[in-house]
């Protein structure tokens, strides 16, 4: 299989490093010409002539984002990674059910935690598609490259060592709770065969002694863009043309007997409108993921079954804490009170829900935010009181004349919200926010800009007062991770200039005297304590800081929809707990939850 490596790695490296972590965050958010959908991808095959879906040969067909011949198979490369196909070509370390809080073993079959040592027993019988075994050394390679890029996992793990071919040992930075450290591995996939280029990359990272050398290796890794993969999952690369990526069942995979169909197709659609029309007409798609307006959903036939899973994330307003206005806690609180979250949700699609109380934990779709706070949420401040907003601004020396607010220095309080023009639903939300703030008397305009302008002139350099962003880009749902992200992530501390020790009033006294809070120590204890009462108390304390200091303002929570054509497939019912493992289309087939009716 060809490697498909490009020779112009220096240009790619410079572009990636110039963008820093910002472009990566945008990619993680799933930004596209339609919307930053935070997951899902864009896909077509031909009709079988019988009015049924798929190609008539029990192929499971899903939509893809990129033209198959333009895709590449290195997840570290900046763009055009074959995400949808990659989730069945490669295997995950574990699966995680966000509703039941269950860690589901996969490549990690068993584990034992002893202090700062995590010993993992790997799944037996796992091989790469060239027949070579998947060994513990491949996991060492994966960790070394992740560490070289400064990925999140290196915040928790110091070293990975292969004890033998099927036993792996991680040295942890702290004595974490088992559930905490195992959740860190959720979303990690084994896609780095050591006997391919990845072994060389890992060795180069180990030999890099300076930051410049490390950046050079990063550029080399990003420049490696193979056009065909060497995977280890239940499907292997078959073929790719302008329309369809065809993956065929890998018969030597441990789950091959569970997979009830021979072919997995990823089909390219140029727009969301095309994939919506395909699902409506029952032409080719068996599975479609991603945001779909309710007006479109209503046109789908009865045989299309919809699953909804809360995102634990969504639209928020990010404050620049170095700004002369928004560096002031009470100004942030006032703006929060001037925005009606429920009205925003009511004006939007039904799969958008109001974040009625900013706390940084749980889902407002399922109510788990209350569970995480021990059920007692009365102390946490809901923000939707314009009278309170006026009171807060006046207390800080702002005045209102002729319906317009003025700063303490006499200048009119105005602001512009830069918004990437291609993010359709985010642009719509930002327009609504701007109108609400203008109605309140803060002259606010939304400025649509190109993505490169947004990241190059505003978001990265922090050259903004407020900007739209997502309030939990951790990719995880447990309070420790969501609170860590909204209080201490690089996005918040670097781009938003949030202080390391934010100030907050005593719990339950929002208008009381403020004092610094050692959030790092509280987060460290939250990650390591095994006392559930202490976990709840720490979660409540940190959520209080989010609620009162507002690193950013969560406004809307999204629901991730998935649509399945049931004419040819037996699949779990709508209320199944199995839908809470991301994503159904690559989790269900491995365990036999998707079977053809014929």
Protein backbone atom coordinates (compact mmCIF):
# COMPACT_ATOMS: atom_id res chain seq x y z
CA UNK A 1 0.00 0.00 0.00
CA UNK A 2 1.44 3.41 -0.91
CA UNK A 3 2.36 5.84 1.84
CA UNK A 4 1.23 8.92 -0.10
CA UNK A 5 3.71 11.15 1.71
CA UNK A 6 4.05 14.79 0.63
CA UNK A 7 7.49 16.37 0.25
CA UNK A 8 6.51 19.90 1.28
CA UNK A 9 6.39 19.21 5.01
CA UNK A 10 7.99 22.49 6.03
CA UNK A 11 5.04 24.50 4.72
CA UNK A 12 2.54 22.24 6.49
CA UNK A 13 4.49 22.44 9.73
CA UNK A 14 4.74 26.23 9.65
CA UNK A 15 1.02 26.58 8.98
CA UNK A 16 0.05 24.20 11.80
CA UNK A 17 2.40 25.74 14.34
CA UNK A 18 1.33 29.24 13.37
CA UNK A 19 -2.24 28.29 14.20
CA UNK A 20 -1.12 26.63 17.45
CA UNK A 21 -3.85 24.65 19.16
CA UNK A 22 -6.57 26.87 17.72
CA UNK A 23 -7.01 25.25 14.34
CA UNK A 24 -6.96 21.88 16.05
CA UNK A 25 -9.76 23.00 18.33
CA UNK A 26 -11.74 24.08 15.30
CA UNK A 27 -11.19 20.71 13.70
CA UNK A 28 -12.32 18.97 16.87
CA UNK A 29 -15.44 21.09 16.84
CA UNK A 30 -16.22 19.65 13.41
CA UNK A 31 -16.33 22.99 11.58
CA UNK A 32 -17.60 22.76 8.02
CA UNK A 33 -19.30 24.89 5.44
CA UNK A 34 -22.57 24.02 7.10
CA UNK A 35 -21.86 24.34 10.82
CA UNK A 36 -19.36 23.30 13.47
CA UNK A 37 -21.41 20.19 14.10
CA UNK A 38 -19.05 18.74 16.75
CA UNK A 39 -19.25 15.28 15.22
CA UNK A 40 -20.70 13.39 12.31
CA UNK A 41 -19.68 13.61 8.72
CA UNK A 42 -21.08 14.26 5.43
CA UNK A 43 -22.19 10.63 1.93
CA UNK A 44 -23.92 8.26 -1.67
CA UNK A 45 -24.04 5.03 -3.45
CA UNK A 46 -26.39 4.13 -6.21
CA UNK A 47 -29.91 2.88 -5.70
CA UNK A 48 -30.37 -0.86 -6.08
CA UNK A 49 -33.42 -0.35 -8.25
CA UNK A 50 -35.77 -1.93 -5.76
CA UNK A 51 -36.63 1.16 -3.80
CA UNK A 52 -34.60 -0.07 -0.82
CA UNK A 53 -31.54 1.53 0.69
CA UNK A 54 -27.94 0.52 0.16
CA UNK A 55 -26.44 -1.38 -2.72
CA UNK A 56 -28.53 -4.49 -2.26
CA UNK A 57 -25.63 -6.58 -0.97
CA UNK A 58 -25.95 -5.93 2.77
CA UNK A 59 -23.51 -3.03 2.71
CA UNK A 60 -23.97 -0.59 5.58
CA UNK A 61 -23.77 2.87 3.98
CA UNK A 62 -23.02 6.08 5.85
CA UNK A 63 -22.30 9.63 4.72
CA UNK A 64 -18.76 11.02 4.55
CA UNK A 65 -17.33 14.53 4.62
CA UNK A 66 -14.61 14.28 1.97
CA UNK A 67 -14.20 12.98 -1.57
CA UNK A 68 -12.79 9.49 -0.89
CA UNK A 69 -9.81 9.89 -3.22
CA UNK A 70 -8.86 13.11 -1.38
CA UNK A 71 -8.87 11.51 2.08
CA UNK A 72 -5.75 10.56 4.00
CA UNK A 73 -5.33 8.09 6.87
CA UNK A 74 -3.05 9.79 9.41
CA UNK A 75 -5.08 11.19 12.31
CA UNK A 76 -2.22 13.56 13.23
CA UNK A 77 -2.30 15.31 9.86
CA UNK A 78 -4.08 18.68 9.80
CA UNK A 79 -6.94 17.94 7.40
CA UNK A 80 -8.94 15.46 5.30
CA UNK A 81 -8.53 12.62 7.76
CA UNK A 82 -10.86 9.71 6.95
CA UNK A 83 -12.65 9.91 10.30
CA UNK A 84 -15.78 7.94 9.43
CA UNK A 85 -13.93 5.07 7.80
CA UNK A 86 -11.18 5.24 10.39
CA UNK A 87 -13.60 4.35 13.18
CA UNK A 88 -14.07 0.86 11.73
CA UNK A 89 -10.64 0.44 10.12
CA UNK A 90 -8.97 1.06 13.50
CA UNK A 91 -9.93 -0.13 16.98
CA UNK A 92 -10.53 1.93 20.14
CA UNK A 93 -8.75 1.40 23.44
CA UNK A 94 -12.11 1.28 25.25
CA UNK A 95 -15.74 2.27 24.75
CA UNK A 96 -17.65 4.40 27.25
CA UNK A 97 -21.39 4.67 27.87
CA UNK A 98 -22.10 8.24 28.96
CA UNK A 99 -25.48 7.35 30.48
CA UNK A 100 -24.58 4.23 32.47
CA UNK A 101 -21.03 5.48 33.21
CA UNK A 102 -19.74 2.08 32.10
CA UNK A 103 -16.23 1.50 30.80
CA UNK A 104 -16.57 -1.16 28.09
CA UNK A 105 -13.35 -3.16 27.53
CA UNK A 106 -12.06 -3.44 23.98
CA UNK A 107 -8.36 -3.35 23.11
CA UNK A 108 -7.87 -2.85 26.83
CA UNK A 109 -9.37 -6.09 28.10
CA UNK A 110 -8.39 -5.84 31.75
CA UNK A 111 -6.48 -3.41 33.96
CA UNK A 112 -5.15 -2.99 37.47
CA UNK A 113 -4.33 0.31 39.18
CA UNK A 114 -1.71 0.35 41.91
CA UNK A 115 -0.78 3.85 43.03
CA UNK A 116 0.74 5.58 40.01
CA UNK A 117 1.08 2.36 37.98
CA UNK A 118 -1.65 1.24 35.59
CA UNK A 119 -1.10 -2.25 34.19
CA UNK A 120 -3.19 -3.14 31.13
CA UNK A 121 -3.80 -6.55 29.58
CA UNK A 122 -4.41 -6.24 25.85
CA UNK A 123 -6.91 -8.14 23.77
CA UNK A 124 -5.51 -11.33 22.32
CA UNK A 125 -5.83 -12.22 18.65
CA UNK A 126 -5.70 -8.60 17.49
CA UNK A 127 -3.73 -8.17 14.27
CA UNK A 128 -2.95 -5.46 11.77
CA UNK A 129 -4.44 -6.02 8.34
CA UNK A 130 -1.06 -7.20 7.02
CA UNK A 131 -1.17 -10.06 9.54
CA UNK A 132 1.31 -8.63 12.04
CA UNK A 133 0.12 -8.77 15.68
CA UNK A 134 -0.96 -5.64 17.51
CA UNK A 135 1.43 -5.51 20.47
CA UNK A 136 2.08 -3.42 23.55
CA UNK A 137 4.87 -1.69 21.64
CA UNK A 138 2.24 -0.18 19.30
CA UNK A 139 0.61 1.43 22.34
CA UNK A 140 3.97 2.79 23.46
CA UNK A 141 4.38 4.27 19.98
CA UNK A 142 0.93 5.84 20.19
CA UNK A 143 1.62 7.41 23.58
CA UNK A 144 5.04 8.69 22.52
CA UNK A 145 3.57 10.51 19.51
CA UNK A 146 0.64 11.85 21.55
CA UNK A 147 3.12 13.10 24.14
CA UNK A 148 5.24 14.66 21.39
CA UNK A 149 2.25 16.73 20.31
CA UNK A 150 1.36 17.62 23.90
CA UNK A 151 -2.01 15.87 23.70
CA UNK A 152 -4.26 15.74 26.75
CA UNK A 153 -3.19 12.24 27.69
CA UNK A 154 0.31 13.50 28.56
CA UNK A 155 -1.26 15.61 31.31
CA UNK A 156 -2.12 12.37 33.12
CA UNK A 157 0.54 9.87 32.03
CA UNK A 158 4.30 10.22 32.33
CA UNK A 159 5.48 7.09 30.55
CA UNK A 160 4.29 3.97 28.71
CA UNK A 161 6.25 0.71 28.78
CA UNK A 162 5.73 -2.62 27.03
CA UNK A 163 6.10 -5.34 29.66
CA UNK A 164 5.58 -8.06 27.07
CA UNK A 165 3.61 -8.36 23.82
CA UNK A 166 0.21 -8.22 25.49
CA UNK A 167 0.95 -6.33 28.72
CA UNK A 168 1.30 -2.57 28.92
CA UNK A 169 2.34 -0.43 31.87
CA UNK A 170 1.56 3.26 32.25
CA UNK A 171 3.29 5.45 34.84
CA UNK A 172 0.77 8.07 35.97
CA UNK A 173 1.46 11.64 37.09
CA UNK A 174 -0.77 11.21 40.15
CA UNK A 175 -2.67 8.48 41.98
CA UNK A 176 -5.86 8.98 40.01
CA UNK A 177 -9.15 7.27 40.66
CA UNK A 178 -9.56 4.29 38.34
CA UNK A 179 -12.64 5.74 36.61
CA UNK A 180 -10.84 9.04 36.02
CA UNK A 181 -7.76 7.59 34.37
CA UNK A 182 -9.69 5.02 32.34
CA UNK A 183 -12.03 7.72 31.02
CA UNK A 184 -8.94 9.55 29.72
CA UNK A 185 -8.55 6.74 27.17
CA UNK A 186 -12.08 7.17 25.82
CA UNK A 187 -11.86 8.40 22.24
CA UNK A 188 -8.32 7.07 21.67
CA UNK A 189 -7.81 4.71 18.71
CA UNK A 190 -4.98 2.37 17.85
CA UNK A 191 -3.85 3.76 14.49
CA UNK A 192 -0.05 3.77 14.83
CA UNK A 193 1.54 0.49 13.67
CA UNK A 194 5.11 0.62 14.92
CA UNK A 195 6.39 -1.33 11.92
CA UNK A 196 5.20 1.45 9.61
CA UNK A 197 6.38 5.07 9.71
CA UNK A 198 4.96 5.60 13.19
CA UNK A 199 7.77 3.67 14.87
CA UNK A 200 10.28 6.03 13.24
CA UNK A 201 8.26 9.05 14.38
CA UNK A 202 8.16 7.79 17.96
CA UNK A 203 11.92 7.25 17.95
CA UNK A 204 12.44 10.75 16.53
CA UNK A 205 10.36 12.25 19.34
CA UNK A 206 12.40 10.32 21.91
CA UNK A 207 15.61 11.69 20.38
CA UNK A 208 14.39 15.30 20.13
CA UNK A 209 16.28 17.30 22.77
CA UNK A 210 15.07 20.82 21.94
CA UNK A 211 11.73 22.44 21.23
CA UNK A 212 12.83 23.17 17.66
CA UNK A 213 13.68 19.50 17.08
CA UNK A 214 10.34 18.46 18.53
CA UNK A 215 8.52 20.88 16.23
CA UNK A 216 10.40 19.46 13.27
CA UNK A 217 9.20 15.95 14.17
CA UNK A 218 5.66 17.27 14.54
CA UNK A 219 5.89 18.64 11.02
CA UNK A 220 7.19 15.32 9.69
CA UNK A 221 4.32 13.44 11.32
CA UNK A 222 1.71 15.86 9.98
CA UNK A 223 3.22 15.64 6.51
CA UNK A 224 2.78 11.85 6.42
CA UNK A 225 -0.56 11.40 4.66
CA UNK A 226 -1.03 7.84 3.40
CA UNK A 227 -3.77 7.35 0.83
CA UNK A 228 -4.50 3.83 2.12
CA UNK A 229 -4.52 2.67 5.76
CA UNK A 230 -2.94 -0.19 7.61
CA UNK A 231 -5.66 -0.81 10.16
CA UNK A 232 -6.51 -3.31 12.87
CA UNK A 233 -10.31 -2.95 13.00
CA UNK A 234 -13.13 -5.17 11.74
CA UNK A 235 -13.01 -3.59 8.26
CA UNK A 236 -10.06 -3.06 5.94
CA UNK A 237 -9.49 -0.81 2.96
CA UNK A 238 -11.07 -2.08 -0.25
CA UNK A 239 -11.22 0.76 -2.77
CA UNK A 240 -11.91 4.47 -3.15
CA UNK A 241 -13.26 6.56 -6.01
CA UNK A 242 -14.68 10.07 -6.29
CA UNK A 243 -17.93 8.96 -4.67
CA UNK A 244 -17.48 5.91 -2.44
CA UNK A 245 -14.98 4.52 0.03
CA UNK A 246 -15.51 0.77 0.21
CA UNK A 247 -14.31 -1.16 3.25
CA UNK A 248 -14.53 -4.94 3.48
CA UNK A 249 -14.82 -7.14 6.54
CA UNK A 250 -11.49 -8.29 7.94
CA UNK A 251 -12.15 -11.96 8.59
CA UNK A 252 -9.26 -12.35 11.04
CA UNK A 253 -10.58 -9.71 13.43
CA UNK A 254 -11.72 -11.03 16.85
CA UNK A 255 -15.19 -9.54 16.23
CA UNK A 256 -15.58 -10.81 12.68
CA UNK A 257 -18.27 -13.28 13.72
CA UNK A 258 -20.30 -10.46 15.27
CA UNK A 259 -20.21 -8.29 12.15
CA UNK A 260 -23.24 -9.38 10.16
CA UNK A 261 -22.48 -7.70 6.83
CA UNK A 262 -19.51 -7.88 4.46
CA UNK A 263 -19.10 -4.25 3.36
CA UNK A 264 -19.03 -0.82 5.00
CA UNK A 265 -19.45 2.07 2.57
CA UNK A 266 -18.68 5.74 3.20
CA UNK A 267 -20.27 7.91 0.52
CA UNK A 268 -19.48 11.51 -0.23
CA UNK A 269 -22.09 14.26 -0.29
CA UNK A 270 -21.12 17.80 -1.26
CA UNK A 271 -23.70 19.38 1.05
CA UNK A 272 -26.04 18.59 3.90
CA UNK A 273 -28.98 19.26 1.61
CA UNK A 274 -27.90 16.36 -0.59
CA UNK A 275 -27.63 13.88 2.26
CA UNK A 276 -30.97 15.05 3.68
CA UNK A 277 -32.61 14.48 0.29
CA UNK A 278 -31.02 11.04 0.06
CA UNK A 279 -32.36 10.00 3.48
CA UNK A 280 -35.78 11.43 2.65
CA UNK A 281 -35.97 9.55 -0.66
CA UNK A 282 -34.47 6.31 0.67
CA UNK A 283 -31.93 6.24 -2.10
CA UNK A 284 -28.67 4.99 -0.64
CA UNK A 285 -27.96 5.95 2.95
CA UNK A 286 -28.51 3.48 5.78
CA UNK A 287 -27.12 5.81 8.46
CA UNK A 288 -26.92 9.59 8.62
CA UNK A 289 -25.38 11.58 11.48
CA UNK A 290 -25.29 15.24 12.32
CA UNK A 291 -27.46 18.32 12.74
CA UNK A 292 -30.67 18.19 10.72
CA UNK A 293 -33.34 20.95 10.95
CA UNK A 294 -36.70 19.83 12.26
CA UNK A 295 -38.39 20.97 9.04
CA UNK A 296 -36.22 18.39 7.25
CA UNK A 297 -36.74 15.66 9.84
CA UNK A 298 -40.51 15.97 9.40
CA UNK A 299 -40.14 14.99 5.74
CA UNK A 300 -38.38 11.69 6.51
CA UNK A 301 -40.43 8.49 6.01
CA UNK A 302 -41.71 6.55 9.02
CA UNK A 303 -39.11 3.83 8.52
CA UNK A 304 -36.34 6.31 9.37
CA UNK A 305 -35.57 5.89 13.07
CA UNK A 306 -34.02 8.80 14.94
CA UNK A 307 -31.73 8.49 17.96
CA UNK A 308 -30.80 11.50 20.09
CA UNK A 309 -27.87 11.74 22.46
CA UNK A 310 -26.95 14.86 24.49
CA UNK A 311 -23.69 16.51 23.52
CA UNK A 312 -22.71 17.89 26.94
CA UNK A 313 -21.55 20.82 24.83
CA UNK A 314 -22.87 23.54 22.59
CA UNK A 315 -22.93 27.25 21.84
CA UNK A 316 -21.47 29.63 24.38
CA UNK A 317 -20.09 33.14 24.61
CA UNK A 318 -16.35 33.34 25.32
CA UNK A 319 -15.07 36.38 27.22
CA UNK A 320 -11.63 37.94 26.80
CA UNK A 321 -10.56 38.36 30.42
CA UNK A 322 -7.88 40.90 29.46
CA UNK A 323 -10.53 43.20 28.02
CA UNK A 324 -11.18 46.45 29.91
CA UNK A 325 -14.87 45.57 30.25
CA UNK A 326 -14.98 41.78 30.38
CA UNK A 327 -12.06 41.50 32.73
CA UNK A 328 -14.65 42.64 35.28
CA UNK A 329 -16.63 39.78 36.82
CA UNK A 330 -19.77 41.86 37.33
CA UNK A 331 -19.78 43.03 33.71
CA UNK A 332 -19.68 39.38 32.63
CA UNK A 333 -22.52 38.59 35.01
CA UNK A 334 -24.52 41.57 33.72
CA UNK A 335 -24.17 40.46 30.09
CA UNK A 336 -25.20 36.94 31.12
CA UNK A 337 -28.36 38.34 32.73
CA UNK A 338 -29.17 40.33 29.57
CA UNK A 339 -29.33 37.17 27.42
CA UNK A 340 -32.41 34.96 27.47
CA UNK A 341 -31.14 31.38 26.97
CA UNK A 342 -34.59 29.84 26.88
CA UNK A 343 -35.75 32.25 24.19
CA UNK A 344 -32.66 31.38 22.15
CA UNK A 345 -33.46 27.68 22.45
CA UNK A 346 -37.14 28.26 21.57
CA UNK A 347 -36.14 30.14 18.43
CA UNK A 348 -33.77 27.36 17.42
CA UNK A 349 -34.21 23.75 16.44
CA UNK A 350 -35.73 21.31 19.00
CA UNK A 351 -32.36 19.58 19.28
CA UNK A 352 -31.01 22.73 20.99
CA UNK A 353 -31.68 23.11 24.72
CA UNK A 354 -31.16 26.07 27.06
CA UNK A 355 -28.35 25.90 29.60
CA UNK A 356 -30.49 27.50 32.26
CA UNK A 357 -27.80 27.60 34.96
CA UNK A 358 -24.13 27.84 33.91
CA UNK A 359 -22.24 25.33 36.04
CA UNK A 360 -19.90 23.45 33.69
CA UNK A 361 -21.16 19.99 34.61
CA UNK A 362 -23.58 17.46 33.16
CA UNK A 363 -26.34 17.67 30.59
CA UNK A 364 -29.36 19.96 30.62
CA UNK A 365 -31.11 17.58 28.24
CA UNK A 366 -31.11 14.67 30.68
CA UNK A 367 -30.79 16.60 33.96
CA UNK A 368 -27.46 15.03 34.92
CA UNK A 369 -26.14 18.48 35.83
CA UNK A 370 -28.38 18.34 38.90
CA UNK A 371 -27.23 14.82 39.75
CA UNK A 372 -23.58 15.87 39.56
CA UNK A 373 -24.29 18.69 42.00
CA UNK A 374 -25.91 16.34 44.51
CA UNK A 375 -29.44 17.43 43.62
CA UNK A 376 -29.23 20.73 45.54
CA UNK A 377 -28.95 23.45 42.89
CA UNK A 378 -30.86 26.34 44.48
CA UNK A 379 -27.68 28.24 45.33
CA UNK A 380 -26.50 28.38 41.71
CA UNK A 381 -27.46 31.57 39.93
CA UNK A 382 -29.70 31.38 36.85
CA UNK A 383 -28.90 34.24 34.49
CA UNK A 384 -32.01 35.83 33.01
CA UNK A 385 -32.77 39.00 34.93
CA UNK A 386 -32.32 42.31 33.11
CA UNK A 387 -33.03 44.28 36.32
CA UNK A 388 -30.13 42.45 37.96
CA UNK A 389 -27.99 43.21 34.90
CA UNK A 390 -28.64 46.93 35.27
CA UNK A 391 -27.86 46.77 38.98
CA UNK A 392 -24.52 45.05 38.35
CA UNK A 393 -23.42 47.53 35.67
CA UNK A 394 -24.36 50.56 37.77
CA UNK A 395 -22.41 49.14 40.70
CA UNK A 396 -19.31 49.15 38.45
CA UNK A 397 -19.78 52.78 37.38
CA UNK A 398 -21.61 52.22 34.10
CA UNK A 399 -24.49 54.57 33.31
CA UNK A 400 -27.50 54.38 31.02
CA UNK A 401 -28.60 57.41 29.00
CA UNK A 402 -31.20 57.46 26.26
CA UNK A 403 -31.46 53.69 26.38
CA UNK A 404 -27.71 53.22 25.82
CA UNK A 405 -25.05 52.10 28.30
CA UNK A 406 -21.87 54.12 28.82
CA UNK A 407 -18.61 53.07 30.44
CA UNK A 408 -17.18 54.70 33.57
CA UNK A 409 -14.87 56.77 31.30
CA UNK A 410 -17.89 58.19 29.42
CA UNK A 411 -17.45 56.15 26.22
CA UNK A 412 -20.46 54.30 24.86
CA UNK A 413 -20.42 50.57 25.73
CA UNK A 414 -20.34 48.87 22.33
CA UNK A 415 -18.95 45.60 21.03
CA UNK A 416 -18.54 43.52 17.94
CA UNK A 417 -18.79 39.72 17.96
CA UNK A 418 -16.59 38.15 15.26
CA UNK A 419 -18.23 34.99 13.90
CA UNK A 420 -16.95 32.52 11.28
CA UNK A 421 -19.38 33.02 8.41
CA UNK A 422 -19.54 29.33 7.48
CA UNK A 423 -20.84 28.22 10.89
CA UNK A 424 -24.52 28.56 10.04
CA UNK A 425 -26.25 27.74 13.33
CA UNK A 426 -23.55 29.51 15.37
CA UNK A 427 -23.97 32.58 13.17
CA UNK A 428 -27.71 32.46 13.83
CA UNK A 429 -27.20 32.22 17.59
CA UNK A 430 -24.72 35.09 17.53
CA UNK A 431 -27.22 37.26 15.65
CA UNK A 432 -29.78 36.55 18.38
CA UNK A 433 -27.29 37.38 21.15
CA UNK A 434 -26.32 40.64 19.44
CA UNK A 435 -29.97 41.65 19.17
CA UNK A 436 -30.68 40.85 22.83
CA UNK A 437 -27.69 42.86 24.03
CA UNK A 438 -28.58 45.76 21.75
CA UNK A 439 -32.13 45.73 23.09
CA UNK A 440 -30.64 45.91 26.57
CA UNK A 441 -28.64 48.99 25.58
CA UNK A 442 -25.19 47.59 24.74
CA UNK A 443 -24.75 48.43 21.05
CA UNK A 444 -23.70 45.02 19.69
CA UNK A 445 -23.07 43.85 16.14
CA UNK A 446 -22.18 40.47 14.71
CA UNK A 447 -19.33 40.55 12.24
CA UNK A 448 -19.17 37.61 9.88
CA UNK A 449 -15.59 36.74 8.96
CA UNK A 450 -13.84 33.92 7.12
CA UNK A 451 -12.44 31.08 9.24
CA UNK A 452 -8.84 32.11 8.56
CA UNK A 453 -9.65 35.67 9.61
CA UNK A 454 -11.40 34.51 12.77
CA UNK A 455 -8.50 32.33 13.90
CA UNK A 456 -5.75 34.58 12.55
CA UNK A 457 -6.98 37.98 13.72
CA UNK A 458 -9.31 37.32 16.64
CA UNK A 459 -9.40 33.99 18.41
CA UNK A 460 -5.70 33.14 18.44
CA UNK A 461 -4.38 36.63 19.24
CA UNK A 462 -7.24 37.29 21.75
CA UNK A 463 -8.13 40.40 19.77
CA UNK A 464 -11.80 40.40 20.73
CA UNK A 465 -14.13 41.31 23.58
CA UNK A 466 -16.45 38.30 23.23
CA UNK A 467 -16.62 35.54 20.66
CA UNK A 468 -18.77 32.44 20.04
CA UNK A 469 -17.24 29.17 21.18
CA UNK A 470 -18.12 25.79 22.71
CA UNK A 471 -18.37 25.40 26.46
CA UNK A 472 -17.02 21.86 26.75
CA UNK A 473 -14.50 20.86 24.11
CA UNK A 474 -13.00 18.20 26.38
CA UNK A 475 -14.84 15.51 24.44
CA UNK A 476 -15.81 13.91 27.76
CA UNK A 477 -18.84 14.06 30.00
CA UNK A 478 -17.72 13.48 33.58
CA UNK A 479 -17.52 16.60 35.81
CA UNK A 480 -13.77 16.38 36.36
CA UNK A 481 -13.08 16.70 32.63
CA UNK A 482 -15.71 19.31 31.84
CA UNK A 483 -14.68 21.47 34.79
CA UNK A 484 -11.00 21.06 33.93
CA UNK A 485 -11.70 22.23 30.40
CA UNK A 486 -13.81 25.27 31.25
CA UNK A 487 -11.47 26.38 34.07
CA UNK A 488 -7.94 25.36 33.03
CA UNK A 489 -7.78 24.33 29.35
CA UNK A 490 -5.33 26.06 27.04
CA UNK A 491 -8.28 27.58 25.21
CA UNK A 492 -9.51 29.25 28.39
CA UNK A 493 -6.17 30.22 29.97
CA UNK A 494 -4.37 31.28 26.77
CA UNK A 495 -6.99 32.43 24.28
CA UNK A 496 -9.40 33.81 26.88
CA UNK A 497 -6.63 34.90 29.29
CA UNK A 498 -8.44 33.40 32.28
CA UNK A 499 -6.45 33.65 35.55
CA UNK A 500 -5.01 30.59 37.28
CA UNK A 501 -6.65 31.59 40.56
CA UNK A 502 -10.01 33.17 39.68
CA UNK A 503 -11.96 35.03 42.34
CA UNK A 504 -15.37 33.99 43.57
CA UNK A 505 -17.60 34.83 46.52
CA UNK A 506 -18.36 32.38 49.29
CA UNK A 507 -20.72 29.59 48.26
CA UNK A 508 -24.32 30.77 48.23
CA UNK A 509 -23.46 34.50 48.42
CA UNK A 510 -23.23 35.74 44.81
CA UNK A 511 -22.98 39.40 45.83
CA UNK A 512 -20.52 38.87 48.67
CA UNK A 513 -16.81 39.64 48.88
CA UNK A 514 -14.66 37.67 46.45
CA UNK A 515 -11.37 35.87 47.11
CA UNK A 516 -8.99 33.72 45.01
CA UNK A 517 -9.82 30.03 44.58
CA UNK A 518 -7.11 27.39 44.15
CA UNK A 519 -8.88 25.55 41.35
CA UNK A 520 -5.79 23.51 40.42
CA UNK A 521 -5.64 21.92 43.86
CA UNK A 522 -9.36 21.25 43.91
CA UNK A 523 -9.21 19.64 40.46
CA UNK A 524 -6.24 17.51 41.50
CA UNK A 525 -8.12 16.25 44.53
CA UNK A 526 -11.25 15.65 42.45
CA UNK A 527 -9.21 13.47 40.09
CA UNK A 528 -7.69 11.35 42.82
CA UNK A 529 -10.11 11.03 45.74
CA UNK A 530 -12.14 7.85 46.09
CA UNK A 531 -14.55 9.43 48.60
CA UNK A 532 -17.81 9.98 46.71
CA UNK A 533 -19.00 12.61 49.18
CA UNK A 534 -15.78 14.55 48.61
CA UNK A 535 -16.22 14.15 44.83
CA UNK A 536 -19.66 15.73 45.05
CA UNK A 537 -18.51 18.54 47.32
CA UNK A 538 -15.53 19.42 45.11
CA UNK A 539 -17.76 19.32 42.04
CA UNK A 540 -20.16 21.73 43.72
CA UNK A 541 -17.33 24.11 44.71
CA UNK A 542 -15.79 24.18 41.24
CA UNK A 543 -19.18 24.51 39.58
CA UNK A 544 -19.81 27.50 41.85
CA UNK A 545 -16.65 29.17 40.47
CA UNK A 546 -17.93 28.61 36.93
CA UNK A 547 -21.35 29.90 37.90
CA UNK A 548 -20.03 33.05 39.58
CA UNK A 549 -16.83 33.89 37.73
CA UNK A 550 -17.98 32.87 34.23
CA UNK A 551 -14.79 31.86 32.36
CA UNK A 552 -17.28 31.71 29.48
CA UNK A 553 -21.05 31.70 29.29
CA UNK A 554 -22.70 28.39 28.28
CA UNK A 555 -25.99 29.16 26.56
CA UNK A 556 -27.13 26.20 24.45
CA UNK A 557 -26.63 22.44 24.66
CA UNK A 558 -26.81 20.43 21.48
CA UNK A 559 -28.24 16.99 20.92
CA UNK A 560 -26.44 14.71 18.49
CA UNK A 561 -28.98 13.07 16.17
CA UNK A 562 -28.46 9.86 14.24
CA UNK A 563 -30.90 8.57 11.60
CA UNK A 564 -31.19 4.94 10.47
CA UNK A 565 -33.13 3.42 7.59
CA UNK A 566 -34.82 0.40 9.20
CA UNK A 567 -36.18 -1.27 6.05
CA UNK A 568 -33.20 -3.57 5.66
CA UNK A 569 -31.68 -3.54 9.15
CA UNK A 570 -32.59 -4.83 12.59
CA UNK A 571 -31.25 -2.35 15.13
CA UNK A 572 -31.86 -1.51 18.82
CA UNK A 573 -35.01 0.41 19.84
CA UNK A 574 -35.04 4.20 20.24
CA UNK A 575 -34.86 4.05 24.03
CA UNK A 576 -31.83 1.75 24.14
CA UNK A 577 -28.94 2.63 26.43
CA UNK A 578 -26.64 1.39 23.68
CA UNK A 579 -27.08 4.68 21.81
CA UNK A 580 -25.07 6.49 24.49
CA UNK A 581 -21.79 4.99 23.23
CA UNK A 582 -20.27 7.21 20.52
CA UNK A 583 -21.15 6.61 17.67
CA UNK A 584 -23.74 3.90 16.98
CA UNK A 585 -22.56 3.24 13.43
CA UNK A 586 -19.12 2.03 14.50
CA UNK A 587 -19.97 0.66 17.96
CA UNK A 588 -23.06 -1.41 17.18
CA UNK A 589 -21.65 -3.52 14.31
CA UNK A 590 -18.77 -4.81 16.45
CA UNK A 591 -21.15 -6.36 18.97
CA UNK A 592 -23.76 -7.70 16.56
CA UNK A 593 -26.36 -5.00 17.26
CA UNK A 594 -26.84 -4.32 13.52
CA UNK A 595 -28.05 -7.22 11.38
CA UNK A 596 -29.62 -7.38 7.92
CA UNK A 597 -33.28 -8.38 7.80
CA UNK A 598 -32.85 -10.58 4.75
